[in-house]
N, C-alpha and C. Protein backbone atom coordinates (compact mmCIF):
# COMPACT_ATOMS: atom_id res chain seq x y z
N UNK A 1 0.86 -1.17 0.00
CA UNK A 1 0.00 0.00 0.00
C UNK A 1 0.90 1.24 0.00
N UNK A 2 0.70 2.13 -0.97
CA UNK A 2 1.54 3.32 -1.03
C UNK A 2 0.93 4.44 -0.18
N UNK A 3 1.68 5.53 -0.05
CA UNK A 3 1.24 6.63 0.82
C UNK A 3 -0.06 7.27 0.37
N UNK A 4 -0.28 7.38 -0.93
CA UNK A 4 -1.52 7.95 -1.42
C UNK A 4 -2.72 7.08 -1.05
N UNK A 5 -2.56 5.77 -1.14
CA UNK A 5 -3.64 4.85 -0.76
C UNK A 5 -3.94 4.95 0.74
N UNK A 6 -2.87 5.00 1.54
CA UNK A 6 -3.04 5.14 3.00
C UNK A 6 -3.76 6.44 3.30
N UNK A 7 -3.33 7.52 2.68
CA UNK A 7 -3.94 8.83 2.92
C UNK A 7 -5.42 8.81 2.52
N UNK A 8 -5.74 8.21 1.40
CA UNK A 8 -7.12 8.14 0.94
C UNK A 8 -7.98 7.31 1.90
N UNK A 9 -7.46 6.18 2.36
CA UNK A 9 -8.20 5.33 3.30
C UNK A 9 -8.43 6.07 4.61
N UNK A 10 -7.40 6.76 5.10
CA UNK A 10 -7.52 7.50 6.36
C UNK A 10 -8.55 8.61 6.22
N UNK A 11 -8.51 9.37 5.13
CA UNK A 11 -9.50 10.43 4.92
C UNK A 11 -10.92 9.85 4.88
N UNK A 12 -11.07 8.74 4.17
CA UNK A 12 -12.38 8.09 4.05
C UNK A 12 -12.88 7.61 5.40
N UNK A 13 -12.01 6.96 6.16
CA UNK A 13 -12.41 6.43 7.47
C UNK A 13 -12.74 7.56 8.45
N UNK A 14 -11.95 8.62 8.46
CA UNK A 14 -12.22 9.73 9.37
C UNK A 14 -13.52 10.44 8.99
N UNK A 15 -13.77 10.57 7.70
CA UNK A 15 -15.03 11.17 7.24
C UNK A 15 -16.20 10.27 7.65
N UNK A 16 -16.03 8.97 7.49
CA UNK A 16 -17.08 8.02 7.87
C UNK A 16 -17.38 8.12 9.37
N UNK A 17 -16.35 8.31 10.19
CA UNK A 17 -16.58 8.47 11.64
C UNK A 17 -17.40 9.72 11.90
N UNK A 18 -17.06 10.82 11.24
CA UNK A 18 -17.80 12.08 11.44
C UNK A 18 -19.26 11.93 11.02
N UNK A 19 -19.50 11.13 9.98
CA UNK A 19 -20.85 10.96 9.46
C UNK A 19 -21.61 9.80 10.10
N UNK A 20 -20.97 9.14 11.07
CA UNK A 20 -21.62 8.01 11.73
C UNK A 20 -21.71 6.78 10.84
N UNK A 21 -20.76 6.63 9.94
CA UNK A 21 -20.77 5.50 9.00
C UNK A 21 -19.85 4.37 9.43
N UNK A 22 -19.21 4.51 10.59
CA UNK A 22 -18.42 3.41 11.12
C UNK A 22 -19.14 2.90 12.35
N UNK A 23 -19.42 1.64 12.31
CA UNK A 23 -20.10 1.01 13.42
C UNK A 23 -19.38 -0.25 13.80
N UNK A 24 -20.12 -1.20 14.32
CA UNK A 24 -19.49 -2.44 14.73
C UNK A 24 -20.45 -3.60 14.53
N UNK A 25 -19.85 -4.73 14.49
CA UNK A 25 -20.59 -5.98 14.38
C UNK A 25 -20.11 -6.86 15.52
N UNK A 26 -21.06 -7.48 16.22
CA UNK A 26 -20.69 -8.37 17.31
C UNK A 26 -20.68 -9.80 16.78
N UNK A 27 -19.57 -10.47 17.02
CA UNK A 27 -19.40 -11.84 16.52
C UNK A 27 -19.00 -12.75 17.66
N UNK A 28 -19.66 -13.88 17.75
CA UNK A 28 -19.32 -14.83 18.81
C UNK A 28 -18.12 -15.67 18.40
N UNK A 29 -17.33 -16.04 19.40
CA UNK A 29 -16.20 -16.95 19.21
C UNK A 29 -16.54 -18.22 19.97
N UNK A 30 -16.56 -19.33 19.24
CA UNK A 30 -16.96 -20.61 19.82
C UNK A 30 -15.75 -21.47 20.15
N UNK A 31 -15.96 -22.39 21.07
CA UNK A 31 -14.95 -23.36 21.46
C UNK A 31 -14.69 -24.31 20.29
N UNK A 32 -13.43 -24.65 20.05
CA UNK A 32 -13.13 -25.54 18.93
C UNK A 32 -13.55 -26.97 19.21
N UNK A 33 -13.67 -27.34 20.48
CA UNK A 33 -14.06 -28.70 20.84
C UNK A 33 -15.57 -28.88 20.89
N UNK A 34 -16.27 -27.80 21.18
CA UNK A 34 -17.73 -27.84 21.23
C UNK A 34 -18.24 -26.56 20.56
N UNK A 35 -18.62 -26.66 19.30
CA UNK A 35 -19.00 -25.49 18.51
C UNK A 35 -20.24 -24.77 19.03
N UNK A 36 -20.98 -25.41 19.92
CA UNK A 36 -22.15 -24.76 20.50
C UNK A 36 -21.80 -23.91 21.72
N UNK A 37 -20.60 -24.09 22.25
CA UNK A 37 -20.16 -23.33 23.43
C UNK A 37 -19.53 -22.01 22.99
N UNK A 38 -20.15 -20.92 23.43
CA UNK A 38 -19.62 -19.59 23.12
C UNK A 38 -18.63 -19.22 24.20
N UNK A 39 -17.42 -18.89 23.78
CA UNK A 39 -16.36 -18.53 24.73
C UNK A 39 -16.44 -17.03 25.06
N UNK A 40 -16.58 -16.21 24.04
CA UNK A 40 -16.69 -14.77 24.21
C UNK A 40 -17.20 -14.16 22.91
N UNK A 41 -17.43 -12.86 22.94
CA UNK A 41 -17.87 -12.13 21.76
C UNK A 41 -16.83 -11.08 21.41
N UNK A 42 -16.66 -10.83 20.12
CA UNK A 42 -15.77 -9.78 19.64
C UNK A 42 -16.62 -8.66 19.05
N UNK A 43 -16.15 -7.46 19.23
CA UNK A 43 -16.78 -6.30 18.63
C UNK A 43 -15.87 -5.84 17.49
N UNK A 44 -16.35 -5.99 16.26
CA UNK A 44 -15.53 -5.75 15.08
C UNK A 44 -15.98 -4.49 14.35
N UNK A 45 -15.03 -3.62 14.04
CA UNK A 45 -15.35 -2.37 13.35
C UNK A 45 -15.77 -2.65 11.90
N UNK A 46 -16.74 -1.88 11.45
CA UNK A 46 -17.23 -1.96 10.08
C UNK A 46 -17.45 -0.55 9.56
N UNK A 47 -17.05 -0.32 8.32
CA UNK A 47 -17.25 0.98 7.67
C UNK A 47 -18.30 0.79 6.59
N UNK A 48 -19.35 1.58 6.64
CA UNK A 48 -20.41 1.50 5.64
C UNK A 48 -20.19 2.63 4.65
N UNK A 49 -19.81 2.27 3.43
CA UNK A 49 -19.47 3.26 2.42
C UNK A 49 -20.34 3.04 1.19
N UNK A 50 -21.29 3.92 1.00
CA UNK A 50 -22.19 3.83 -0.16
C UNK A 50 -22.83 2.45 -0.29
N UNK A 51 -23.27 1.90 0.84
CA UNK A 51 -23.93 0.61 0.83
C UNK A 51 -23.01 -0.58 0.92
N UNK A 52 -21.73 -0.37 0.73
CA UNK A 52 -20.75 -1.46 0.84
C UNK A 52 -20.19 -1.49 2.26
N UNK A 53 -20.10 -2.67 2.83
CA UNK A 53 -19.55 -2.82 4.17
C UNK A 53 -18.08 -3.21 4.03
N UNK A 54 -17.22 -2.41 4.64
CA UNK A 54 -15.77 -2.62 4.57
C UNK A 54 -15.30 -3.06 5.94
N UNK A 55 -14.59 -4.16 6.00
CA UNK A 55 -14.12 -4.70 7.29
C UNK A 55 -12.92 -3.91 7.79
N UNK A 56 -12.68 -4.03 9.09
CA UNK A 56 -11.56 -3.33 9.72
C UNK A 56 -10.23 -3.74 9.10
N UNK A 57 -10.12 -4.98 8.67
CA UNK A 57 -8.87 -5.44 8.05
C UNK A 57 -8.51 -4.66 6.81
N UNK A 58 -9.51 -4.02 6.21
CA UNK A 58 -9.27 -3.24 5.00
C UNK A 58 -8.89 -1.79 5.29
N UNK A 59 -9.29 -1.27 6.46
CA UNK A 59 -8.97 0.14 6.73
C UNK A 59 -8.15 0.36 8.01
N UNK A 60 -8.16 -0.59 8.93
CA UNK A 60 -7.44 -0.40 10.19
C UNK A 60 -5.92 -0.28 10.02
N UNK A 61 -5.28 -1.08 9.16
CA UNK A 61 -3.83 -0.91 9.01
C UNK A 61 -3.43 0.51 8.61
N UNK A 62 -4.21 1.16 7.75
CA UNK A 62 -3.90 2.54 7.35
C UNK A 62 -4.06 3.49 8.52
N UNK A 63 -5.12 3.29 9.34
CA UNK A 63 -5.31 4.14 10.52
C UNK A 63 -4.18 3.95 11.52
N UNK A 64 -3.76 2.70 11.71
CA UNK A 64 -2.66 2.43 12.64
C UNK A 64 -1.37 3.06 12.14
N UNK A 65 -1.10 2.93 10.85
CA UNK A 65 0.15 3.46 10.28
C UNK A 65 0.21 4.98 10.37
N UNK A 66 -0.95 5.63 10.33
CA UNK A 66 -0.97 7.09 10.35
C UNK A 66 -1.24 7.67 11.74
N UNK A 67 -1.42 6.79 12.73
CA UNK A 67 -1.62 7.26 14.10
C UNK A 67 -3.06 7.59 14.45
N UNK A 68 -4.02 7.24 13.61
CA UNK A 68 -5.42 7.56 13.86
C UNK A 68 -6.22 6.42 14.48
N UNK A 69 -5.60 5.31 14.79
CA UNK A 69 -6.31 4.19 15.41
C UNK A 69 -6.97 4.58 16.74
N UNK A 70 -6.33 5.39 17.59
CA UNK A 70 -7.01 5.80 18.84
C UNK A 70 -8.30 6.57 18.59
N UNK A 71 -8.37 7.32 17.49
CA UNK A 71 -9.60 8.04 17.15
C UNK A 71 -10.72 7.03 16.84
N UNK A 72 -10.38 5.96 16.14
CA UNK A 72 -11.36 4.91 15.86
C UNK A 72 -11.79 4.23 17.16
N UNK A 73 -10.83 3.93 18.02
CA UNK A 73 -11.14 3.31 19.31
C UNK A 73 -12.14 4.14 20.10
N UNK A 74 -11.90 5.44 20.16
CA UNK A 74 -12.80 6.34 20.89
C UNK A 74 -14.18 6.36 20.24
N UNK A 75 -14.21 6.44 18.92
CA UNK A 75 -15.49 6.44 18.20
C UNK A 75 -16.29 5.18 18.51
N UNK A 76 -15.63 4.02 18.46
CA UNK A 76 -16.32 2.76 18.71
C UNK A 76 -16.76 2.65 20.17
N UNK A 77 -15.91 3.13 21.09
CA UNK A 77 -16.28 3.09 22.51
C UNK A 77 -17.53 3.93 22.76
N UNK A 78 -17.58 5.12 22.19
CA UNK A 78 -18.75 5.98 22.38
C UNK A 78 -19.99 5.37 21.73
N UNK A 79 -19.82 4.78 20.55
CA UNK A 79 -20.94 4.13 19.88
C UNK A 79 -21.47 2.97 20.70
N UNK A 80 -20.57 2.17 21.23
CA UNK A 80 -20.97 1.02 22.03
C UNK A 80 -21.67 1.47 23.31
N UNK A 81 -21.16 2.53 23.93
CA UNK A 81 -21.82 3.06 25.13
C UNK A 81 -23.25 3.51 24.83
N UNK A 82 -23.44 4.14 23.67
CA UNK A 82 -24.77 4.59 23.29
C UNK A 82 -25.71 3.40 23.10
N UNK A 83 -25.21 2.33 22.50
CA UNK A 83 -26.03 1.13 22.30
C UNK A 83 -26.40 0.52 23.65
N UNK A 84 -25.42 0.41 24.54
CA UNK A 84 -25.68 -0.17 25.87
C UNK A 84 -26.67 0.69 26.63
N UNK A 85 -26.51 2.01 26.60
CA UNK A 85 -27.44 2.90 27.29
C UNK A 85 -28.86 2.76 26.73
N UNK A 86 -28.98 2.61 25.42
CA UNK A 86 -30.30 2.43 24.82
C UNK A 86 -30.91 1.10 25.23
N UNK A 87 -30.10 0.05 25.28
CA UNK A 87 -30.59 -1.26 25.74
C UNK A 87 -31.08 -1.18 27.18
N UNK A 88 -30.35 -0.47 28.02
CA UNK A 88 -30.75 -0.30 29.42
C UNK A 88 -32.06 0.48 29.50
N UNK A 89 -32.18 1.53 28.69
CA UNK A 89 -33.40 2.34 28.68
C UNK A 89 -34.60 1.50 28.26
N UNK A 90 -34.42 0.70 27.21
CA UNK A 90 -35.52 -0.15 26.74
C UNK A 90 -35.89 -1.19 27.79
N UNK A 91 -34.89 -1.80 28.42
CA UNK A 91 -35.16 -2.80 29.45
C UNK A 91 -35.92 -2.18 30.62
N UNK A 92 -35.55 -0.98 31.01
CA UNK A 92 -36.26 -0.30 32.10
C UNK A 92 -37.71 0.00 31.71
N UNK A 93 -37.90 0.42 30.47
CA UNK A 93 -39.25 0.72 30.00
C UNK A 93 -40.08 -0.56 29.97
N UNK A 94 -39.50 -1.65 29.52
CA UNK A 94 -40.23 -2.92 29.50
C UNK A 94 -40.59 -3.36 30.92
N UNK A 95 -39.65 -3.20 31.84
CA UNK A 95 -39.92 -3.57 33.24
C UNK A 95 -41.04 -2.70 33.81
N UNK A 96 -41.02 -1.42 33.49
CA UNK A 96 -42.06 -0.50 33.95
C UNK A 96 -43.43 -0.93 33.41
N UNK A 97 -43.48 -1.28 32.14
CA UNK A 97 -44.75 -1.70 31.53
C UNK A 97 -45.26 -2.98 32.18
N UNK A 98 -44.38 -3.94 32.40
CA UNK A 98 -44.79 -5.20 33.05
C UNK A 98 -45.33 -4.92 34.45
N UNK A 99 -44.62 -4.09 35.22
CA UNK A 99 -45.09 -3.76 36.57
C UNK A 99 -46.43 -3.02 36.52
N UNK A 100 -46.58 -2.15 35.57
CA UNK A 100 -47.82 -1.41 35.42
C UNK A 100 -48.97 -2.37 35.11
N UNK A 101 -48.73 -3.29 34.21
CA UNK A 101 -49.78 -4.25 33.85
C UNK A 101 -50.11 -5.20 34.99
N UNK A 102 -49.14 -5.54 35.79
CA UNK A 102 -49.38 -6.44 36.92
C UNK A 102 -50.23 -5.78 38.00
N UNK A 103 -50.14 -4.48 38.12
CA UNK A 103 -50.87 -3.77 39.16
C UNK A 103 -52.15 -3.10 38.65
N UNK A 104 -52.49 -3.34 37.42
CA UNK A 104 -53.67 -2.73 36.82
C UNK A 104 -54.94 -3.37 37.40
N UNK A 105 -55.91 -2.54 37.67
CA UNK A 105 -57.19 -3.03 38.18
C UNK A 105 -58.12 -3.25 36.99
N UNK A 106 -58.93 -4.29 37.05
CA UNK A 106 -59.89 -4.52 35.95
C UNK A 106 -60.83 -3.34 35.82
N UNK A 107 -61.19 -3.04 34.62
CA UNK A 107 -62.09 -1.90 34.37
C UNK A 107 -63.51 -2.45 34.25
N UNK A 108 -64.41 -1.99 35.11
CA UNK A 108 -65.80 -2.47 35.12
C UNK A 108 -66.55 -2.02 33.88
N UNK A 109 -66.10 -0.93 33.26
CA UNK A 109 -66.83 -0.39 32.13
C UNK A 109 -66.65 -1.23 30.87
N UNK A 110 -65.66 -2.08 30.85
CA UNK A 110 -65.45 -2.89 29.64
C UNK A 110 -66.31 -4.04 29.70
């Protein structure tokens, strides 16, 4: 990869971060002895560019070589925090609805 290619990839990836076009995909890692046993999950960066999904292996080396990998790390950390916070919010709302329905009194008018 020459310097122009690295520069182009870095510009594209940084622009994608600003536009919210870099996200992540969660992938499970299974035990080699028992394929049904999940050992852990990996969070893998993905760049969505004009409908095409580009894996981290295609853009991360350029970011690392140019010193911008920490910017990607921060972007992904903030994105993941937002997803977790939204999951917590939804879970709380679901719990609230269940509790509300459990304590509801029958309506005589129906």
